[in-house]
Amino acid sequence: TDGDRSREDKSDGDRPSEDRSWKNRSGQGGPGKGDSEEAGSGKGNPEKGKSGKGKSGKGRQAGNNSAPGTNGDALEPIPDDIEEFVERLKEEAGYKTSFDVIVRQMTLGGKKTAFFMLNGLSSGQLMTEILERLTFLQADAVTSHALESFMNLFVPAVQVEQEKDWNMMMTGVLSGSTGMYIDGESTMLIIDTKMFPMRGPEEPSLERVVRGSRDGFVETMLMNVSLVRRRLRDPMLRLENIRVGERTRSDVCVAYIEDIADKELVESIRDKITAVKLDGIPLADKQLEEATVKRGWNPYPLVRYSERPDVVAAHLLEGNVAVFVDTSPSVMILPTTFFDLVQHAEENRQTPFIGTYLRWLRFFGIMASLFLVPIWLLFAMNPHLLPPSLAFIGPAKLGKLPLFVQFLLAEAGIDLMRMAAIHTPTPLAMAISLVSAILVGDIAVQTGLFINEVILYMAIAAIGMFATPSYELSLANRIVRLLLICLVAAFHIPGLVLGWTAVFVLLVMQRSFNRPYMWPFIPFDPKGMVNIMLRMPVMKNKKRPNLLRPQQRDKMPDAEGG
């Protein structure tokens, strides 16, 4: 239906340049020297290949997202003969080989035409309506400029564009549009008939709230940007579409508010995305993150993910940039800090006092998940460090295995239970979790492999880990906790101090798109730190964070706090 028909969002005046390169699937005219590093600078020699009825194809350039007409990237014409056009579709699009490739040849208004589309990605209902209108078209109704006649008078579609480049036409059709070819014309009409498989918005499982909206992002990018548009009815909201991937040509949307977001930040993010040179990003946002945010073996996330439209809209108002990737229900929020990753939407759905309490409780849980087990292990291995008043926290008895081995096995057991719950059908996941936690833990204690204190402190650490809003941050903290346990077991007090110092230095040295990762703690910003530690009332929070260098610092310059 029309409500489910997805269309590619292209803001007027903000449509970015797209690369016209396209892989020749037939193996003829494939990339040669033009795809080398020289080609990226425009110095490569184009490779000739067969195309259609023997016409040589243009060389393909390695740059995935370079602007057409730059770096030696030339327009590849569309054949002006319908037989040659269909023959070329057989070679390059798999017509007559791939069952979902449809080419419908008809004579409309005295003109031979061919409709090129993909079954499953294009709306058959819309195309039926268009063909019903065109079927009874008389030859005298078509002017000498047949292309303009069909486009302006006879094709009842909202979005119709002319395309002269073969590669851009292929990309459009493989994205769900329908190409209309008219014999004798070297320009085609690209009709927006996209209709992607789509599920309805549902509340994200990782970002549930007691109060608040229940809609979340889905796998269709147009639906996702529409959910944000619904919350941000600002004409300055910009949604730039970029194609990434030599083969996948995945749609990526860079969203920002033009008169708020730092222009250098937007330009930096745009440049990093357009510079990505990959065959494709079938894993969507995660592969795009690794290609643009090169963090190496650093376990800590430098990108915040969210599946909530209200969270993304709130960050856009702060001056952040959001990156949508088609086929992914998660949106990247850039740049981010460590303290952004420990905040949750529930805090802002409660009163300032309750929100502050929840925030502090979450901070405590995260710190406990990271440091409680290593500190207890240190005291258990060095009882003389404990004051008499805290002697009760030590182990009442020792198990058959060393303490640090028990903790390592417990860590592995928790991870295995988590993996089993994820890979198990939903109706059985809860049962498996209960069986694993109760039976395995109880039997391990009864047999003497584990002591009660190990189970207790690992359970507290696991609760703190699951209370961490960012799944990526919880995984990073788990790895750090394992390293701290090993350092304490090997070097005792020096090991713990060394581990803490290494983690602190690692966090301080990180930067997310040239923004300090530990802001506002380092560099210290008093006002920013207050907003981190306290959930301030809305009418008191009048300034945008200076970390983002927004063009407009004031959120409500004429408002008076109450």
Protein backbone atom coordinates (compact mmCIF):
# COMPACT_ATOMS: atom_id res chain seq x y z
CA THR A 1 0.00 0.00 0.00
CA ASP A 2 0.96 3.64 -0.30
CA GLY A 3 1.58 3.83 3.46
CA ASP A 4 4.08 1.02 3.30
CA ARG A 5 5.84 2.19 0.19
CA SER A 6 9.35 3.26 1.14
CA ARG A 7 10.89 6.15 -0.73
CA GLU A 8 14.42 7.33 -0.59
CA ASP A 9 14.64 10.55 1.38
CA LYS A 10 16.43 13.33 -0.51
CA SER A 11 16.17 16.84 0.89
CA ASP A 12 16.01 19.63 -1.69
CA GLY A 13 19.37 21.20 -2.10
CA ASP A 14 21.02 18.63 0.17
CA ARG A 15 21.30 15.64 -2.10
CA PRO A 16 24.95 14.59 -1.94
CA SER A 17 26.96 13.56 -4.92
CA GLU A 18 26.95 9.83 -5.56
CA ASP A 19 29.48 7.66 -7.25
CA ARG A 20 28.48 6.34 -10.63
CA SER A 21 30.64 3.25 -10.39
CA TRP A 22 28.97 -0.12 -10.66
CA LYS A 23 30.38 -3.61 -10.69
CA ASN A 24 29.72 -5.48 -13.93
CA ARG A 25 28.18 -8.68 -12.58
CA SER A 26 28.76 -10.55 -15.84
CA GLY A 27 32.50 -10.38 -15.36
CA GLN A 28 32.88 -8.37 -18.57
CA GLY A 29 34.22 -4.89 -18.23
CA GLY A 30 35.10 -5.56 -14.58
CA PRO A 31 37.57 -3.50 -12.60
CA GLY A 32 41.07 -3.39 -13.94
CA LYS A 33 43.75 -0.81 -13.55
CA GLY A 34 41.12 1.81 -13.04
CA ASP A 35 40.45 0.26 -9.61
CA SER A 36 44.01 0.59 -8.39
CA GLU A 37 45.22 3.26 -5.99
CA GLU A 38 46.02 5.36 -9.03
CA ALA A 39 42.36 5.31 -9.97
CA GLY A 40 41.47 6.82 -6.62
CA SER A 41 43.44 9.90 -7.59
CA GLY A 42 42.05 10.00 -11.11
CA LYS A 43 45.24 8.70 -12.76
CA GLY A 44 44.12 5.16 -13.50
CA ASN A 45 43.54 3.96 -17.03
CA PRO A 46 40.00 2.84 -17.75
CA GLU A 47 39.58 -0.78 -18.71
CA LYS A 48 37.55 -1.63 -21.73
CA GLY A 49 34.96 -4.35 -21.47
CA LYS A 50 32.07 -5.76 -23.39
CA SER A 51 28.72 -4.21 -22.86
CA GLY A 52 25.54 -4.68 -24.80
CA LYS A 53 26.34 -5.39 -28.43
CA GLY A 54 30.05 -5.02 -28.20
CA LYS A 55 30.30 -1.40 -27.09
CA SER A 56 33.18 -0.82 -24.77
CA GLY A 57 32.27 0.00 -21.19
CA LYS A 58 33.85 2.72 -19.13
CA GLY A 59 36.45 1.96 -16.51
CA ARG A 60 35.20 1.61 -12.95
CA GLN A 61 36.83 3.68 -10.28
CA ALA A 62 37.76 2.45 -6.86
CA GLY A 63 36.34 5.38 -4.94
CA ASN A 64 32.94 4.24 -3.71
CA ASN A 65 31.39 7.61 -3.02
CA SER A 66 33.25 10.13 -5.13
CA ALA A 67 31.24 12.74 -6.95
CA PRO A 68 30.45 11.98 -10.57
CA GLY A 69 32.60 13.73 -13.03
CA THR A 70 35.54 13.94 -10.63
CA ASN A 71 38.70 11.89 -10.44
CA GLY A 72 38.20 10.70 -14.00
CA ASP A 73 34.72 9.26 -13.29
CA ALA A 74 32.80 9.53 -16.60
CA LEU A 75 29.14 9.10 -17.41
CA GLU A 76 28.27 5.76 -19.03
CA PRO A 77 25.51 6.27 -21.62
CA ILE A 78 22.34 4.24 -21.89
CA PRO A 79 21.85 2.48 -25.27
CA ASP A 80 19.32 4.19 -27.55
CA ASP A 81 18.16 0.91 -29.10
CA ILE A 82 15.69 -1.25 -27.18
CA GLU A 83 17.16 -4.55 -28.37
CA GLU A 84 20.62 -3.49 -27.26
CA PHE A 85 19.15 -2.30 -23.96
CA VAL A 86 17.50 -5.65 -23.23
CA GLU A 87 20.60 -7.57 -24.28
CA ARG A 88 22.71 -5.53 -21.91
CA LEU A 89 20.29 -6.24 -19.07
CA LYS A 90 20.78 -9.95 -19.73
CA GLU A 91 24.54 -9.55 -19.35
CA GLU A 92 24.75 -7.14 -16.43
CA ALA A 93 21.49 -7.51 -14.48
CA GLY A 94 20.93 -11.23 -14.89
CA TYR A 95 17.70 -10.87 -16.87
CA LYS A 96 16.48 -14.34 -17.92
CA THR A 97 18.79 -15.80 -15.25
CA SER A 98 17.62 -14.22 -11.98
CA PHE A 99 13.93 -14.93 -11.44
CA ASP A 100 13.23 -11.63 -9.68
CA VAL A 101 14.53 -9.42 -12.52
CA ILE A 102 11.55 -8.26 -14.58
CA VAL A 103 11.68 -6.57 -17.99
CA ARG A 104 8.20 -5.79 -19.37
CA GLN A 105 8.23 -4.71 -23.02
CA MET A 106 5.17 -2.87 -24.34
CA THR A 107 4.14 -0.45 -27.08
CA LEU A 108 2.63 2.65 -25.51
CA GLY A 109 1.54 5.67 -27.51
CA GLY A 110 3.22 4.24 -30.59
CA LYS A 111 6.55 3.98 -28.76
CA LYS A 112 8.37 0.78 -27.89
CA THR A 113 9.00 0.80 -24.15
CA ALA A 114 10.51 -1.48 -21.55
CA PHE A 115 9.97 -1.43 -17.80
CA PHE A 116 12.89 -2.71 -15.74
CA MET A 117 12.20 -3.59 -12.08
CA LEU A 118 12.86 -6.10 -9.31
CA ASN A 119 10.03 -8.25 -8.03
CA GLY A 120 9.80 -7.90 -4.25
CA LEU A 121 11.41 -4.47 -3.97
CA SER A 122 9.06 -2.59 -6.29
CA SER A 123 5.35 -2.07 -5.73
CA GLY A 124 3.39 -4.17 -8.20
CA GLN A 125 0.21 -2.30 -7.32
CA LEU A 126 1.67 1.08 -8.24
CA MET A 127 3.10 -0.26 -11.50
CA THR A 128 -0.30 -1.76 -12.36
CA GLU A 129 -1.89 1.66 -11.89
CA ILE A 130 0.73 3.27 -14.12
CA LEU A 131 0.31 0.65 -16.84
CA GLU A 132 -3.49 0.99 -16.73
CA ARG A 133 -3.10 4.68 -17.48
CA LEU A 134 -0.57 4.12 -20.26
CA THR A 135 -2.22 1.14 -21.96
CA PHE A 136 -4.85 3.19 -23.80
CA LEU A 137 -2.46 6.00 -24.72
CA GLN A 138 -2.79 7.02 -28.37
CA ALA A 139 0.17 7.87 -30.58
CA ASP A 140 -1.09 11.37 -31.32
CA ALA A 141 -1.09 12.17 -27.59
CA VAL A 142 2.69 11.82 -27.44
CA THR A 143 4.66 14.84 -28.60
CA SER A 144 7.94 14.75 -30.47
CA HIS A 145 9.62 14.93 -27.07
CA ALA A 146 8.38 11.54 -25.93
CA LEU A 147 10.41 11.42 -22.72
CA GLU A 148 9.02 14.72 -21.43
CA SER A 149 5.49 13.71 -22.44
CA PHE A 150 5.61 10.50 -20.45
CA MET A 151 7.27 12.16 -17.47
CA ASN A 152 5.06 15.24 -17.19
CA LEU A 153 1.72 13.99 -18.51
CA PHE A 154 1.25 10.25 -18.39
CA VAL A 155 3.21 8.70 -15.48
CA PRO A 156 1.13 9.17 -12.30
CA ALA A 157 3.89 8.84 -9.71
CA VAL A 158 5.00 11.26 -7.02
CA GLN A 159 8.73 11.02 -7.70
CA VAL A 160 9.99 10.61 -11.26
CA GLU A 161 13.51 11.51 -12.36
CA GLN A 162 15.45 11.44 -15.60
CA GLU A 163 18.70 9.48 -15.67
CA LYS A 164 21.29 9.42 -18.45
CA ASP A 165 23.90 7.27 -16.73
CA TRP A 166 23.70 3.48 -16.94
CA ASN A 167 25.34 2.86 -13.58
CA MET A 168 23.09 5.28 -11.72
CA MET A 169 20.07 3.70 -13.40
CA MET A 170 21.19 0.25 -12.25
CA THR A 171 21.69 1.48 -8.70
CA GLY A 172 18.23 3.05 -8.67
CA VAL A 173 16.48 -0.09 -9.92
CA LEU A 174 18.41 -2.34 -7.54
CA SER A 175 17.24 -0.02 -4.76
CA GLY A 176 13.60 -0.69 -5.62
CA SER A 177 12.77 1.92 -8.27
CA THR A 178 11.45 1.08 -11.73
CA GLY A 179 13.25 2.15 -14.89
CA MET A 180 11.14 3.11 -17.91
CA TYR A 181 13.01 2.85 -21.21
CA ILE A 182 11.69 4.44 -24.44
CA ASP A 183 13.14 3.21 -27.71
CA GLY A 184 15.33 5.83 -29.36
CA GLU A 185 16.01 7.69 -26.12
CA SER A 186 19.34 7.64 -24.30
CA THR A 187 17.66 8.88 -21.12
CA MET A 188 15.43 6.76 -18.86
CA LEU A 189 12.71 7.63 -16.39
CA ILE A 190 13.36 6.36 -12.87
CA ILE A 191 10.00 5.93 -11.12
CA ASP A 192 10.01 5.65 -7.33
CA THR A 193 8.13 2.40 -6.69
CA LYS A 194 10.05 1.20 -3.64
CA MET A 195 8.20 -1.14 -1.31
CA PHE A 196 10.60 -2.83 1.09
CA PRO A 197 9.63 -5.63 3.47
CA MET A 198 8.98 -3.83 6.76
CA ARG A 199 7.93 -4.64 10.29
CA GLY A 200 6.03 -2.24 12.51
CA PRO A 201 7.83 -0.06 15.08
CA GLU A 202 8.17 -1.82 18.43
CA GLU A 203 9.73 -0.86 21.73
CA PRO A 204 13.47 -1.65 21.71
CA SER A 205 14.31 -4.55 23.99
CA LEU A 206 17.52 -2.90 25.25
CA GLU A 207 16.04 0.54 25.99
CA ARG A 208 12.72 -0.11 27.68
CA VAL A 209 11.10 2.59 29.79
CA VAL A 210 8.20 2.58 32.23
CA ARG A 211 6.90 5.91 30.93
CA GLY A 212 7.42 7.03 27.38
CA SER A 213 6.88 6.10 23.77
CA ARG A 214 6.77 2.48 22.71
CA ASP A 215 7.97 2.93 19.14
CA GLY A 216 11.47 2.06 18.04
CA PHE A 217 13.51 2.01 14.89
CA VAL A 218 13.09 -0.73 12.29
CA GLU A 219 15.21 -2.04 9.43
CA THR A 220 13.90 0.45 6.87
CA MET A 221 15.78 3.75 6.84
CA LEU A 222 12.89 5.83 5.53
CA MET A 223 10.65 4.73 8.39
CA ASN A 224 13.41 5.57 10.87
CA VAL A 225 13.97 9.10 9.61
CA SER A 226 10.20 9.58 9.58
CA LEU A 227 10.03 8.69 13.28
CA VAL A 228 12.64 11.36 13.96
CA ARG A 229 10.92 13.87 11.67
CA ARG A 230 7.74 13.37 13.66
CA ARG A 231 9.54 14.57 16.78
CA LEU A 232 11.66 17.25 15.10
CA ARG A 233 9.46 19.37 12.85
CA ASP A 234 12.34 21.70 12.21
CA PRO A 235 12.94 22.90 8.63
CA MET A 236 16.66 23.07 9.47
CA LEU A 237 16.85 19.30 10.00
CA ARG A 238 19.04 17.90 7.25
CA LEU A 239 19.02 14.28 6.06
CA GLU A 240 21.85 13.65 3.62
CA ASN A 241 21.87 10.37 1.73
CA ILE A 242 25.19 8.72 0.86
CA ARG A 243 25.73 5.41 -0.92
CA VAL A 244 28.40 3.18 0.62
CA GLY A 245 29.81 -0.05 -0.78
CA GLU A 246 31.02 -0.92 -4.26
CA ARG A 247 28.55 -3.78 -4.51
CA THR A 248 25.91 -3.27 -1.81
CA ARG A 249 25.42 0.47 -2.52
CA SER A 250 23.88 0.70 0.95
CA ASP A 251 21.96 3.85 1.85
CA VAL A 252 23.49 5.84 4.70
CA CYS A 253 21.82 8.97 6.07
CA VAL A 254 23.72 11.69 7.95
CA ALA A 255 21.22 13.66 10.07
CA TYR A 256 21.88 16.96 11.81
CA ILE A 257 20.27 20.33 12.50
CA GLU A 258 22.02 22.78 10.21
CA ASP A 259 21.98 25.84 12.47
CA ILE A 260 22.97 23.92 15.62
CA ALA A 261 25.50 21.21 14.73
CA ASP A 262 29.15 22.16 14.36
CA LYS A 263 29.88 22.42 10.63
CA GLU A 264 33.38 20.98 11.02
CA LEU A 265 31.94 17.97 12.86
CA VAL A 266 29.37 17.36 10.12
CA GLU A 267 32.02 17.72 7.43
CA SER A 268 34.36 15.33 9.24
CA ILE A 269 31.69 12.65 9.57
CA ARG A 270 30.58 13.09 5.97
CA ASP A 271 34.16 12.85 4.70
CA LYS A 272 34.86 9.69 6.70
CA ILE A 273 31.76 7.99 5.34
CA THR A 274 32.36 8.97 1.72
CA ALA A 275 35.97 7.80 2.01
CA VAL A 276 34.95 4.24 2.91
CA LYS A 277 36.23 1.80 0.29
CA LEU A 278 34.59 -1.58 0.80
CA ASP A 279 32.75 -4.09 -1.36
CA GLY A 280 29.78 -3.55 0.89
CA ILE A 281 28.43 -3.22 4.39
CA PRO A 282 25.90 -6.08 4.70
CA LEU A 283 26.27 -5.87 8.50
CA ALA A 284 25.17 -2.24 8.24
CA ASP A 285 26.10 0.15 11.04
CA LYS A 286 28.70 -2.04 12.75
CA GLN A 287 30.82 -2.36 9.63
CA LEU A 288 30.41 1.34 8.91
CA GLU A 289 31.55 2.14 12.45
CA GLU A 290 34.69 0.03 12.10
CA ALA A 291 35.47 1.66 8.76
CA THR A 292 35.05 5.24 10.02
CA VAL A 293 35.99 5.04 13.71
CA LYS A 294 39.31 3.24 13.67
CA ARG A 295 39.81 2.29 17.31
CA GLY A 296 41.99 -0.79 16.81
CA TRP A 297 41.91 -3.18 19.78
CA ASN A 298 40.43 -0.64 22.18
CA PRO A 299 37.45 -2.43 23.82
CA TYR A 300 35.58 0.75 24.76
CA PRO A 301 32.93 2.02 22.33
CA LEU A 302 33.49 5.39 20.68
CA VAL A 303 29.99 5.44 19.19
CA ARG A 304 26.66 5.40 20.96
CA TYR A 305 23.88 3.27 19.50
CA SER A 306 20.20 3.86 20.10
CA GLU A 307 17.00 2.30 18.82
CA ARG A 308 14.76 5.01 20.32
CA PRO A 309 13.61 7.92 18.11
CA ASP A 310 13.16 10.21 21.13
CA VAL A 311 16.76 9.65 22.23
CA VAL A 312 18.09 10.41 18.74
CA ALA A 313 15.90 13.52 18.46
CA ALA A 314 17.12 14.77 21.85
CA HIS A 315 20.76 14.35 20.82
CA LEU A 316 20.18 16.14 17.52
CA LEU A 317 18.82 19.09 19.49
CA GLU A 318 22.00 19.04 21.57
CA GLY A 319 24.16 19.34 18.46
CA ASN A 320 25.08 15.70 17.84
CA VAL A 321 25.05 14.03 14.44
CA ALA A 322 23.04 10.85 13.85
CA VAL A 323 23.94 8.27 11.22
CA PHE A 324 21.22 5.96 9.89
CA VAL A 325 22.10 2.86 7.87
CA ASP A 326 19.47 1.06 5.84
CA THR A 327 18.65 -2.48 7.10
CA SER A 328 19.70 -1.58 10.67
CA PRO A 329 17.33 -0.72 13.55
CA SER A 330 20.17 1.02 15.41
CA VAL A 331 21.28 4.60 14.87
CA MET A 332 24.79 5.86 15.58
CA ILE A 333 25.05 9.05 17.64
CA LEU A 334 28.29 10.99 17.13
CA PRO A 335 30.39 12.04 18.90
CA THR A 336 29.97 10.32 22.26
CA THR A 337 31.63 10.28 25.67
CA PHE A 338 31.98 7.68 28.40
CA PHE A 339 29.30 9.43 30.44
CA ASP A 340 26.86 9.48 27.52
CA LEU A 341 27.03 5.70 27.46
CA VAL A 342 25.90 5.35 31.08
CA GLN A 343 22.74 7.45 30.73
CA HIS A 344 19.30 6.00 30.09
CA ALA A 345 16.06 7.46 28.75
CA GLU A 346 14.21 6.40 31.93
CA GLU A 347 16.08 9.06 33.94
CA ASN A 348 14.48 11.82 31.87
CA ARG A 349 11.03 10.26 32.12
CA GLN A 350 10.97 10.73 35.91
CA THR A 351 11.17 13.78 38.15
CA PRO A 352 14.61 15.40 38.57
CA PHE A 353 15.01 13.93 42.06
CA ILE A 354 14.04 10.39 41.03
CA GLY A 355 16.04 10.71 37.82
CA THR A 356 19.14 11.72 39.81
CA TYR A 357 18.62 8.77 42.18
CA LEU A 358 18.34 6.34 39.26
CA ARG A 359 21.45 7.83 37.67
CA TRP A 360 23.52 7.46 40.85
CA LEU A 361 22.23 3.95 41.38
CA ARG A 362 23.26 3.07 37.84
CA PHE A 363 26.70 4.61 38.40
CA PHE A 364 27.10 2.47 41.52
CA GLY A 365 26.09 -0.68 39.65
CA ILE A 366 28.55 0.01 36.84
CA MET A 367 31.41 0.69 39.27
CA ALA A 368 30.51 -2.46 41.21
CA SER A 369 30.55 -4.56 38.06
CA LEU A 370 33.99 -3.22 37.23
CA PHE A 371 35.85 -3.04 40.56
CA LEU A 372 34.00 -5.06 43.24
CA VAL A 373 35.35 -8.49 42.31
CA PRO A 374 39.04 -7.45 41.92
CA ILE A 375 38.97 -5.54 45.24
CA TRP A 376 37.37 -8.44 47.11
CA LEU A 377 39.86 -10.87 45.57
CA LEU A 378 42.70 -8.63 46.74
CA PHE A 379 41.38 -8.60 50.33
CA ALA A 380 40.73 -12.35 50.26
CA MET A 381 44.31 -13.02 49.15
CA ASN A 382 45.72 -10.48 51.63
CA PRO A 383 43.60 -10.73 54.83
CA HIS A 384 46.02 -8.49 56.74
CA LEU A 385 44.80 -5.54 54.63
CA LEU A 386 41.32 -5.81 56.12
CA PRO A 387 40.50 -3.87 59.29
CA PRO A 388 38.91 -5.98 62.05
CA SER A 389 35.52 -4.38 61.44
CA LEU A 390 35.48 -5.72 57.86
CA ALA A 391 36.83 -9.18 58.59
CA PHE A 392 33.41 -10.68 57.86
CA ILE A 393 33.72 -10.04 54.11
CA GLY A 394 36.55 -12.54 53.78
CA PRO A 395 35.88 -16.13 52.66
CA ALA A 396 34.61 -18.38 55.45
CA LYS A 397 36.23 -21.38 53.79
CA LEU A 398 38.32 -22.16 50.75
CA GLY A 399 37.16 -24.23 47.81
CA LYS A 400 38.97 -26.93 45.91
CA LEU A 401 40.09 -24.40 43.31
CA PRO A 402 42.08 -21.18 43.79
CA LEU A 403 39.90 -18.10 44.16
CA PHE A 404 40.98 -16.43 40.95
CA VAL A 405 40.29 -19.67 39.02
CA GLN A 406 36.81 -19.76 40.53
CA PHE A 407 36.19 -16.20 39.35
CA LEU A 408 37.45 -16.96 35.86
CA LEU A 409 35.20 -20.01 35.61
CA ALA A 410 32.27 -18.01 36.96
CA GLU A 411 32.89 -15.30 34.35
CA ALA A 412 32.95 -17.90 31.60
CA GLY A 413 29.80 -19.50 33.00
CA ILE A 414 27.89 -16.20 32.98
CA ASP A 415 28.95 -15.53 29.39
CA LEU A 416 27.89 -19.02 28.35
CA MET A 417 24.49 -18.57 30.02
CA ARG A 418 24.05 -15.25 28.25
CA MET A 419 24.96 -16.80 24.89
CA ALA A 420 22.63 -19.73 25.53
CA ALA A 421 19.76 -17.35 26.34
CA ILE A 422 20.37 -15.37 23.14
CA HIS A 423 20.56 -18.45 20.92
CA THR A 424 17.57 -20.17 22.52
CA PRO A 425 13.97 -19.60 21.36
CA THR A 426 12.27 -16.99 23.52
CA PRO A 427 9.80 -19.33 25.33
CA LEU A 428 12.72 -21.50 26.52
CA ALA A 429 15.26 -18.77 27.26
CA MET A 430 13.92 -17.93 30.72
CA ALA A 431 13.78 -21.60 31.71
CA ILE A 432 17.36 -22.19 30.61
CA SER A 433 18.57 -19.12 32.51
CA LEU A 434 16.87 -20.26 35.73
CA VAL A 435 18.13 -23.83 35.39
CA SER A 436 21.67 -22.67 34.70
CA ALA A 437 21.76 -20.10 37.49
CA ILE A 438 20.11 -22.17 40.23
CA LEU A 439 21.11 -25.75 39.54
CA VAL A 440 24.62 -25.21 38.23
CA GLY A 441 25.48 -22.61 40.88
CA ASP A 442 24.04 -24.66 43.74
CA ILE A 443 25.72 -27.87 42.63
CA ALA A 444 29.05 -26.09 42.16
CA VAL A 445 28.90 -24.84 45.77
CA GLN A 446 27.80 -28.18 47.20
CA THR A 447 30.60 -30.05 45.47
CA GLY A 448 33.15 -27.57 46.79
CA LEU A 449 34.30 -26.24 43.43
CA PHE A 450 33.02 -22.76 44.32
CA ILE A 451 32.51 -20.95 47.59
CA ASN A 452 29.42 -18.92 48.42
CA GLU A 453 31.27 -15.59 48.33
CA VAL A 454 32.38 -16.12 44.73
CA ILE A 455 28.79 -16.75 43.64
CA LEU A 456 27.56 -13.71 45.59
CA TYR A 457 30.08 -11.19 44.27
CA MET A 458 29.87 -12.47 40.72
CA ALA A 459 26.08 -12.14 40.90
CA ILE A 460 26.43 -8.51 42.04
CA ALA A 461 28.90 -7.82 39.24
CA ALA A 462 26.57 -9.44 36.71
CA ILE A 463 23.63 -7.32 37.89
CA GLY A 464 25.73 -4.18 37.53
CA MET A 465 26.78 -5.30 34.07
CA PHE A 466 23.18 -5.82 32.96
CA ALA A 467 22.22 -2.43 34.45
CA THR A 468 24.66 -0.72 32.07
CA PRO A 469 22.56 1.04 29.38
CA SER A 470 25.14 0.51 26.63
CA TYR A 471 25.60 -3.13 25.70
CA GLU A 472 28.98 -2.35 24.13
CA LEU A 473 30.16 -0.64 27.32
CA SER A 474 29.08 -3.59 29.46
CA LEU A 475 31.14 -5.95 27.29
CA ALA A 476 34.17 -3.66 27.55
CA ASN A 477 33.83 -3.48 31.35
CA ARG A 478 33.63 -7.27 31.52
CA ILE A 479 36.93 -7.61 29.65
CA VAL A 480 38.57 -5.03 31.92
CA ARG A 481 37.27 -6.88 34.99
CA LEU A 482 38.84 -10.11 33.75
CA LEU A 483 42.18 -8.36 33.24
CA LEU A 484 42.01 -6.82 36.72
CA ILE A 485 41.30 -10.24 38.26
CA CYS A 486 44.35 -11.70 36.52
CA LEU A 487 46.58 -8.76 37.56
CA VAL A 488 45.45 -8.99 41.20
CA ALA A 489 46.03 -12.75 41.23
CA ALA A 490 49.53 -12.28 39.80
CA PHE A 491 50.79 -9.09 41.49
CA HIS A 492 48.33 -8.31 44.32
CA ILE A 493 48.32 -4.58 45.22
CA PRO A 494 50.73 -3.48 42.46
CA GLY A 495 48.63 -5.40 39.95
CA LEU A 496 45.43 -3.62 40.98
CA VAL A 497 47.11 -0.21 40.90
CA LEU A 498 48.68 -0.98 37.52
CA GLY A 499 45.35 -2.13 36.12
CA TRP A 500 43.45 0.93 37.35
CA THR A 501 46.12 3.23 35.99
CA ALA A 502 46.17 1.54 32.59
CA VAL A 503 42.37 1.71 32.28
CA PHE A 504 42.30 5.36 33.33
CA VAL A 505 45.04 6.32 30.86
CA LEU A 506 43.30 4.36 28.10
CA LEU A 507 40.03 6.21 28.67
CA VAL A 508 41.65 9.63 28.93
CA MET A 509 43.59 9.15 25.68
CA GLN A 510 40.50 8.22 23.65
CA ARG A 511 38.81 10.75 21.39
CA SER A 512 35.52 10.44 19.55
CA PHE A 513 35.67 12.56 16.39
CA ASN A 514 38.26 14.81 17.99
CA ARG A 515 36.23 15.19 21.20
CA PRO A 516 37.71 14.05 24.55
CA TYR A 517 36.15 10.77 25.63
CA MET A 518 36.16 11.56 29.37
CA TRP A 519 34.58 15.01 29.09
CA PRO A 520 33.47 16.73 31.35
CA PHE A 521 35.74 14.99 33.89
CA ILE A 522 38.89 15.45 31.77
CA PRO A 523 39.13 18.20 30.67
CA PHE A 524 37.12 19.31 33.67
CA ASP A 525 33.97 21.32 32.94
CA PRO A 526 32.07 22.26 36.13
CA LYS A 527 28.72 22.91 34.46
CA GLY A 528 29.01 19.82 32.31
CA MET A 529 29.90 17.73 35.36
CA VAL A 530 26.86 19.00 37.23
CA ASN A 531 24.64 17.92 34.33
CA ILE A 532 26.26 14.49 34.40
CA MET A 533 25.90 13.95 38.14
CA LEU A 534 22.41 15.47 38.43
CA ARG A 535 19.34 15.13 36.25
CA MET A 536 18.65 18.83 36.00
CA PRO A 537 15.10 20.22 35.58
CA VAL A 538 14.26 20.97 31.97
CA MET A 539 13.82 24.70 32.55
CA LYS A 540 17.20 24.92 34.26
CA ASN A 541 19.08 23.17 31.48
CA LYS A 542 19.40 26.12 29.11
CA LYS A 543 22.80 25.53 27.52
CA ARG A 544 23.98 22.96 25.05
CA PRO A 545 27.20 21.16 25.98
CA ASN A 546 30.24 23.09 24.78
CA LEU A 547 31.92 19.78 23.93
CA LEU A 548 29.88 19.72 20.71
CA ARG A 549 30.78 23.33 19.82
CA PRO A 550 27.21 24.10 18.74
CA GLN A 551 26.48 27.15 16.65
CA GLN A 552 23.73 28.09 19.10
CA ARG A 553 24.63 27.55 22.75
CA ASP A 554 21.28 28.68 24.15
CA LYS A 555 18.39 26.23 24.08
CA MET A 556 15.81 28.81 25.20
CA PRO A 557 17.37 32.26 25.42
CA ASP A 558 14.09 33.99 26.32
CA ALA A 559 12.85 31.43 28.85
CA GLU A 560 12.92 31.97 32.59
CA GLY A 561 13.61 29.03 34.85
CA GLY A 562 11.08 28.30 37.58
